[in-house]
């Protein structure tokens, strides 16, 4: 009799478009290629693994979910001590509980889908003795070792759509609109959406901005007959002044600021420097919601089937990746080793400059 293969699926961290497509890709490929397989869906990310709370997933559970946003398994965040442990609110290590569930279900592998932090925490599970394969999921596109992540293109589409709609109202009223986009400390989403939507200024974390130069761009547009301006601002954007602050000084400034986010501070400064009515739009989690775009459905499916192939070949401790248009995989420790920030010499940055978009520097 052929050996039974037992796999647990986990969606960890923030949700995004494409998770269900990836779940479907893994499950359908395993059931298609293996005669004996059991698949467990862990509820609410690592919580399900910690508490042994799961759903036994039959083939029918992987049907009808390709186009659904979010994750049918649910997700959550656990406290992660970088490179050391995953702990509860009292600081107790949760790794023993996770290993207990892994052994209790006699699992062969965990397939963990998550962002930058999840790749790091998944390595801790690997180091604790569990077989792990990860998939790169995040709208931030900041996971090292893969050209893109699933969820990213869907978020770009949404962010672009938001700015597209703002053009008409900005033009009608002659206003400046500062649109704050997600991405944490990486500018991939803001740069892509800013170029795609025709933003006039794009502010990303990797290039500190000079507010005076941003204001001059807007004043020059007005002198040239353009009465409105669109500023695409990453949530992690930083000014050249704040860049010089040490961590403690930056924390104190943020705590004492009357503005809830960077975009509101930028809007207030621009209104003062230009005299133009300035508004802020923060689409927030809207960028992570809704159905995945066709590109992400296809990419997540490819990643899922690649994970199934790694399981069948018993090639564990790896992250599925896209490199130079080819689906491949890299060692998990490599993926977890660093964050993929937007290089300041990236061709897309030059594209923005070539068409006259200001990057605030």
Protein backbone atom coordinates (compact mmCIF):
# COMPACT_ATOMS: atom_id res chain seq x y z
CA UNK A 1 0.00 0.00 0.00
CA UNK A 2 1.24 3.46 -0.91
CA UNK A 3 2.22 5.76 1.93
CA UNK A 4 -0.24 8.43 3.16
CA UNK A 5 0.93 12.05 2.72
CA UNK A 6 -0.40 14.50 5.32
CA UNK A 7 -0.22 18.24 4.74
CA UNK A 8 -1.50 21.25 6.70
CA UNK A 9 -2.33 24.56 5.03
CA UNK A 10 -1.83 27.81 6.93
CA UNK A 11 -2.58 31.41 5.91
CA UNK A 12 -0.72 33.71 8.26
CA UNK A 13 -0.49 37.45 8.88
CA UNK A 14 -2.53 39.98 6.93
CA UNK A 15 -4.93 38.72 4.31
CA UNK A 16 -4.81 39.66 0.64
CA UNK A 17 -6.19 38.66 -2.72
CA UNK A 18 -5.09 35.29 -4.07
CA UNK A 19 -4.88 33.28 -0.86
CA UNK A 20 -7.84 31.09 -1.76
CA UNK A 21 -6.45 30.61 -5.26
CA UNK A 22 -3.18 29.41 -3.72
CA UNK A 23 -5.02 27.11 -1.29
CA UNK A 24 -6.92 25.71 -4.27
CA UNK A 25 -3.72 25.23 -6.27
CA UNK A 26 -2.06 23.21 -3.51
CA UNK A 27 -5.12 21.11 -2.71
CA UNK A 28 -6.25 20.29 -6.23
CA UNK A 29 -2.70 19.42 -7.34
CA UNK A 30 -2.13 17.09 -4.38
CA UNK A 31 -5.46 15.31 -4.84
CA UNK A 32 -4.82 15.04 -8.58
CA UNK A 33 -1.30 13.65 -8.29
CA UNK A 34 -1.37 11.53 -5.14
CA UNK A 35 -3.46 8.40 -4.49
CA UNK A 36 -3.31 8.81 -0.71
CA UNK A 37 -3.31 12.29 0.78
CA UNK A 38 -4.87 14.05 3.75
CA UNK A 39 -5.04 17.83 3.84
CA UNK A 40 -5.76 19.83 6.99
CA UNK A 41 -6.73 23.49 6.90
CA UNK A 42 -5.56 25.24 10.07
CA UNK A 43 -8.02 27.87 11.26
CA UNK A 44 -6.86 31.45 11.80
CA UNK A 45 -3.22 31.05 10.86
CA UNK A 46 -0.82 29.86 13.52
CA UNK A 47 -3.63 29.83 16.10
CA UNK A 48 -5.01 26.68 14.49
CA UNK A 49 -1.62 25.00 14.72
CA UNK A 50 -1.15 26.15 18.31
CA UNK A 51 -4.60 24.94 19.46
CA UNK A 52 -4.97 21.99 17.05
CA UNK A 53 -8.02 23.67 15.52
CA UNK A 54 -8.41 22.53 11.94
CA UNK A 55 -10.69 21.38 9.14
CA UNK A 56 -10.10 18.17 7.23
CA UNK A 57 -10.28 19.35 3.63
CA UNK A 58 -11.91 17.18 1.00
CA UNK A 59 -11.63 17.77 -2.77
CA UNK A 60 -14.95 19.66 -2.78
CA UNK A 61 -13.49 22.24 -0.37
CA UNK A 62 -11.15 23.44 -3.09
CA UNK A 63 -13.92 24.15 -5.58
CA UNK A 64 -15.58 27.55 -6.02
CA UNK A 65 -12.88 29.52 -4.19
CA UNK A 66 -10.63 30.69 -7.04
CA UNK A 67 -12.23 34.13 -7.29
CA UNK A 68 -12.90 34.70 -3.57
CA UNK A 69 -10.90 37.33 -1.71
CA UNK A 70 -9.54 36.90 1.79
CA UNK A 71 -8.92 33.39 3.08
CA UNK A 72 -11.46 30.64 3.74
CA UNK A 73 -9.24 29.42 6.60
CA UNK A 74 -9.01 32.75 8.39
CA UNK A 75 -5.81 34.36 9.59
CA UNK A 76 -4.26 36.01 12.64
CA UNK A 77 -1.04 37.50 13.90
CA UNK A 78 1.15 36.10 16.67
CA UNK A 79 3.84 37.97 18.54
CA UNK A 80 7.12 37.27 16.81
CA UNK A 81 10.51 37.89 18.40
CA UNK A 82 12.80 38.31 15.37
CA UNK A 83 15.01 35.26 14.88
CA UNK A 84 14.14 33.83 18.30
CA UNK A 85 10.59 32.78 19.07
CA UNK A 86 6.82 33.04 18.58
CA UNK A 87 5.23 33.84 21.94
CA UNK A 88 1.87 34.55 23.58
CA UNK A 89 0.93 37.71 25.48
CA UNK A 90 2.77 36.48 28.58
CA UNK A 91 5.94 35.79 26.60
CA UNK A 92 5.54 31.99 26.69
CA UNK A 93 6.93 30.20 23.67
CA UNK A 94 4.25 28.79 21.36
CA UNK A 95 6.61 26.61 19.35
CA UNK A 96 6.15 23.52 21.59
CA UNK A 97 2.38 23.64 21.10
CA UNK A 98 2.81 23.98 17.35
CA UNK A 99 5.22 21.05 17.25
CA UNK A 100 2.79 18.99 19.35
CA UNK A 101 -0.01 19.52 16.81
CA UNK A 102 2.38 18.76 13.96
CA UNK A 103 3.34 15.43 15.56
CA UNK A 104 -0.17 14.61 16.75
CA UNK A 105 -1.52 14.82 13.19
CA UNK A 106 1.55 12.99 11.89
CA UNK A 107 2.10 15.74 9.33
CA UNK A 108 4.63 15.52 6.55
CA UNK A 109 4.67 19.22 5.79
CA UNK A 110 3.23 22.63 6.59
CA UNK A 111 2.41 24.89 3.63
CA UNK A 112 2.50 28.41 5.04
CA UNK A 113 1.30 31.36 2.99
CA UNK A 114 2.35 34.75 4.24
CA UNK A 115 4.30 37.93 3.93
CA UNK A 116 7.76 39.04 4.95
CA UNK A 117 7.22 38.37 8.65
CA UNK A 118 5.68 35.00 7.98
CA UNK A 119 8.74 33.86 6.03
CA UNK A 120 10.83 34.68 9.10
CA UNK A 121 8.52 32.99 11.58
CA UNK A 122 8.14 29.96 9.31
CA UNK A 123 11.90 29.49 9.49
CA UNK A 124 11.55 29.16 13.28
CA UNK A 125 9.08 26.32 12.75
CA UNK A 126 11.54 24.71 10.36
CA UNK A 127 14.34 25.09 12.89
CA UNK A 128 12.06 23.48 15.52
CA UNK A 129 11.89 20.31 13.43
CA UNK A 130 8.86 20.80 11.18
CA UNK A 131 8.94 20.36 7.41
CA UNK A 132 7.89 23.67 5.88
CA UNK A 133 7.18 25.05 2.42
CA UNK A 134 6.13 28.69 2.09
CA UNK A 135 4.36 30.78 -0.53
CA UNK A 136 5.06 34.54 -0.90
CA UNK A 137 1.88 36.49 -0.24
CA UNK A 138 1.67 40.26 0.29
CA UNK A 139 0.45 43.42 -1.40
CA UNK A 140 3.76 45.01 -0.35
CA UNK A 141 5.86 42.90 -2.75
CA UNK A 142 8.73 43.10 -0.26
CA UNK A 143 9.67 39.42 0.06
CA UNK A 144 13.25 38.71 -0.88
CA UNK A 145 13.98 36.17 -3.60
CA UNK A 146 10.84 36.52 -5.70
CA UNK A 147 10.18 39.03 -8.45
CA UNK A 148 6.59 39.43 -7.32
CA UNK A 149 4.13 38.15 -4.75
CA UNK A 150 0.50 37.21 -5.20
CA UNK A 151 -1.80 39.96 -3.97
CA UNK A 152 0.48 42.69 -5.24
CA UNK A 153 -1.04 43.15 -8.69
CA UNK A 154 -4.57 43.16 -7.30
CA UNK A 155 -3.59 45.93 -4.88
CA UNK A 156 -1.94 47.88 -7.70
CA UNK A 157 -5.17 47.62 -9.68
CA UNK A 158 -7.24 48.92 -6.76
CA UNK A 159 -4.83 51.74 -5.87
CA UNK A 160 -4.68 52.78 -9.52
CA UNK A 161 -8.45 52.78 -9.71
CA UNK A 162 -8.68 55.02 -6.63
CA UNK A 163 -6.33 57.60 -8.13
CA UNK A 164 -8.10 57.38 -11.50
CA UNK A 165 -11.36 58.36 -9.82
CA UNK A 166 -9.73 61.19 -7.87
CA UNK A 167 -8.46 62.88 -11.03
CA UNK A 168 -11.91 64.14 -11.99
CA UNK A 169 -12.81 65.63 -8.63
CA UNK A 170 -9.32 67.09 -8.18
CA UNK A 171 -9.57 68.71 -11.60
CA UNK A 172 -13.10 70.01 -10.99
CA UNK A 173 -12.11 71.79 -7.77
CA UNK A 174 -8.49 72.64 -8.55
CA UNK A 175 -7.27 70.72 -5.54
CA UNK A 176 -4.21 68.82 -4.46
CA UNK A 177 -4.99 65.24 -3.49
CA UNK A 178 -2.53 63.27 -1.35
CA UNK A 179 -3.35 59.56 -1.69
CA UNK A 180 -1.74 57.38 0.95
CA UNK A 181 -1.05 53.83 -0.22
CA UNK A 182 0.08 50.75 1.70
CA UNK A 183 3.41 48.97 1.39
CA UNK A 184 4.94 49.50 4.84
CA UNK A 185 8.58 50.51 4.32
CA UNK A 186 8.76 49.50 0.66
CA UNK A 187 7.64 51.63 -2.28
CA UNK A 188 6.69 48.95 -4.83
CA UNK A 189 2.92 49.46 -4.62
CA UNK A 190 3.02 53.26 -4.61
CA UNK A 191 5.47 53.47 -7.51
CA UNK A 192 3.51 51.04 -9.69
CA UNK A 193 0.11 52.57 -8.96
CA UNK A 194 1.48 56.10 -9.23
CA UNK A 195 2.89 55.50 -12.71
CA UNK A 196 -0.18 53.57 -13.86
CA UNK A 197 -2.57 56.30 -12.71
CA UNK A 198 -0.60 59.31 -13.91
CA UNK A 199 0.24 60.74 -10.48
CA UNK A 200 2.22 63.98 -10.60
CA UNK A 201 4.33 63.24 -7.52
CA UNK A 202 5.27 59.83 -6.08
CA UNK A 203 6.76 59.66 -2.58
CA UNK A 204 8.32 56.34 -1.55
CA UNK A 205 10.27 55.32 1.58
CA UNK A 206 13.46 54.58 -0.34
CA UNK A 207 13.78 58.18 -1.58
CA UNK A 208 13.35 60.78 1.22
CA UNK A 209 11.37 63.78 0.00
CA UNK A 210 12.00 67.51 0.26
CA UNK A 211 8.61 69.14 0.85
CA UNK A 212 9.82 72.41 -0.68
CA UNK A 213 10.64 70.61 -3.93
CA UNK A 214 7.27 68.90 -3.93
CA UNK A 215 5.56 72.26 -3.41
CA UNK A 216 7.54 73.81 -6.28
CA UNK A 217 6.45 71.02 -8.63
CA UNK A 218 2.83 71.77 -7.77
CA UNK A 219 3.29 75.53 -8.14
CA UNK A 220 4.95 74.97 -11.53
CA UNK A 221 2.01 72.83 -12.64
CA UNK A 222 -0.38 75.59 -11.71
CA UNK A 223 1.67 78.18 -13.59
CA UNK A 224 1.54 75.86 -16.59
CA UNK A 225 -2.24 75.72 -16.51
CA UNK A 226 -2.70 72.54 -14.49
CA UNK A 227 -4.89 73.56 -11.59
CA UNK A 228 -4.77 70.26 -9.72
CA UNK A 229 -2.12 67.77 -8.63
CA UNK A 230 -2.10 64.17 -7.45
CA UNK A 231 0.50 63.03 -4.91
CA UNK A 232 0.80 59.25 -4.48
CA UNK A 233 2.33 58.82 -1.03
CA UNK A 234 3.54 55.57 0.48
CA UNK A 235 2.56 55.05 4.11
CA UNK A 236 6.27 54.73 4.95
CA UNK A 237 7.35 57.91 3.14
CA UNK A 238 9.88 59.98 5.06
CA UNK A 239 11.18 63.52 4.64
CA UNK A 240 14.86 64.37 4.30
CA UNK A 241 14.62 66.05 7.72
CA UNK A 242 13.07 63.06 9.46
CA UNK A 243 15.53 60.71 7.78
CA UNK A 244 18.26 62.23 9.92
CA UNK A 245 16.47 61.46 13.20
CA UNK A 246 17.57 58.49 15.27
CA UNK A 247 15.01 55.86 16.21
CA UNK A 248 14.13 57.40 19.57
CA UNK A 249 13.76 60.92 18.17
CA UNK A 250 11.60 59.62 15.32
CA UNK A 251 9.37 57.80 17.80
CA UNK A 252 8.94 60.92 19.95
CA UNK A 253 8.09 63.05 16.92
CA UNK A 254 5.50 60.56 15.74
CA UNK A 255 3.87 60.37 19.17
CA UNK A 256 3.67 64.15 19.47
CA UNK A 257 2.45 64.75 15.91
CA UNK A 258 -1.12 66.08 15.53
CA UNK A 259 -1.44 64.06 12.32
CA UNK A 260 -2.58 60.45 12.27
CA UNK A 261 -0.46 59.48 9.26
CA UNK A 262 2.28 60.92 7.07
CA UNK A 263 -0.14 61.90 4.31
CA UNK A 264 -2.00 64.33 6.57
CA UNK A 265 1.26 66.01 7.57
CA UNK A 266 2.29 66.31 3.92
CA UNK A 267 -1.13 67.71 2.96
CA UNK A 268 -0.96 70.37 5.67
CA UNK A 269 2.52 71.45 4.58
CA UNK A 270 1.57 71.56 0.90
CA UNK A 271 -1.54 73.62 1.56
CA UNK A 272 0.56 76.11 3.52
CA UNK A 273 3.32 76.29 0.90
CA UNK A 274 1.10 76.44 -2.20
CA UNK A 275 -2.08 78.07 -0.97
CA UNK A 276 -4.13 75.37 -2.70
CA UNK A 277 -6.96 73.44 -1.13
CA UNK A 278 -5.50 70.05 -0.25
CA UNK A 279 -7.32 66.81 0.59
CA UNK A 280 -6.23 63.37 1.76
CA UNK A 281 -7.53 59.98 0.65
CA UNK A 282 -6.46 56.84 2.50
CA UNK A 283 -7.91 53.71 0.80
CA UNK A 284 -6.30 51.57 3.52
CA UNK A 285 -7.45 47.96 3.74
CA UNK A 286 -9.61 48.47 0.67
CA UNK A 287 -6.37 47.69 -1.19
CA UNK A 288 -6.27 44.21 0.37
CA UNK A 289 -9.91 43.36 -0.22
CA UNK A 290 -12.10 41.98 -2.94
CA UNK A 291 -11.46 39.27 -5.51
CA UNK A 292 -7.98 38.69 -6.93
CA UNK A 293 -7.29 40.02 -10.39
CA UNK A 294 -6.74 37.42 -13.15
CA UNK A 295 -2.95 37.80 -12.91
CA UNK A 296 -2.96 36.97 -9.20
CA UNK A 297 -5.34 34.05 -9.71
CA UNK A 298 -2.94 32.54 -12.23
CA UNK A 299 0.18 33.34 -10.19
CA UNK A 300 -1.24 31.98 -6.93
CA UNK A 301 -2.34 28.82 -8.74
CA UNK A 302 1.17 28.38 -10.15
CA UNK A 303 2.69 28.90 -6.70
CA UNK A 304 0.24 26.40 -5.18
CA UNK A 305 0.95 23.68 -7.72
CA UNK A 306 4.69 24.29 -7.33
CA UNK A 307 4.31 23.78 -3.57
CA UNK A 308 2.52 20.50 -4.24
CA UNK A 309 5.40 19.41 -6.48
CA UNK A 310 7.92 20.18 -3.72
CA UNK A 311 5.85 18.12 -1.26
CA UNK A 312 5.71 15.17 -3.62
CA UNK A 313 9.48 15.37 -4.11
CA UNK A 314 9.97 15.88 -0.35
CA UNK A 315 11.95 19.04 -0.96
CA UNK A 316 11.18 20.94 2.24
CA UNK A 317 12.52 24.14 3.76
CA UNK A 318 11.90 26.17 0.62
CA UNK A 319 9.85 29.15 -0.56
CA UNK A 320 8.20 29.04 -3.96
CA UNK A 321 9.26 32.07 -6.03
CA UNK A 322 9.00 33.74 -9.41
CA UNK A 323 12.33 34.67 -10.95
CA UNK A 324 12.73 35.96 -14.50
CA UNK A 325 9.22 34.71 -15.39
CA UNK A 326 10.03 31.18 -14.19
CA UNK A 327 8.38 29.48 -11.20
CA UNK A 328 11.14 28.13 -8.97
CA UNK A 329 11.98 27.85 -5.27
CA UNK A 330 14.69 29.12 -2.95
CA UNK A 331 15.90 28.07 0.52
CA UNK A 332 13.58 29.44 3.20
CA UNK A 333 16.50 30.83 5.16
CA UNK A 334 17.39 32.94 2.13
CA UNK A 335 13.86 34.29 1.76
CA UNK A 336 13.73 35.10 5.48
CA UNK A 337 17.13 36.77 5.54
CA UNK A 338 16.12 40.27 4.46
CA UNK A 339 13.42 42.57 3.15
CA UNK A 340 13.20 43.39 -0.55
CA UNK A 341 13.15 47.17 -0.73
CA UNK A 342 12.76 49.07 -3.99
CA UNK A 343 16.26 49.80 -5.37
CA UNK A 344 16.76 53.50 -6.05
CA UNK A 345 18.22 52.59 -9.45
CA UNK A 346 15.26 50.40 -10.41
CA UNK A 347 14.20 50.90 -14.06
CA UNK A 348 10.67 51.88 -13.01
CA UNK A 349 12.06 54.80 -11.03
CA UNK A 350 13.82 56.01 -14.14
CA UNK A 351 10.58 55.56 -16.09
CA UNK A 352 8.84 57.86 -13.63
CA UNK A 353 11.55 60.48 -13.96
CA UNK A 354 11.57 60.20 -17.76
CA UNK A 355 7.89 61.13 -17.99
CA UNK A 356 8.21 64.04 -15.60
CA UNK A 357 6.92 62.53 -12.37
CA UNK A 358 8.57 64.08 -9.31
CA UNK A 359 9.90 61.76 -6.62
CA UNK A 360 10.29 64.62 -4.20
CA UNK A 361 14.07 64.71 -4.33
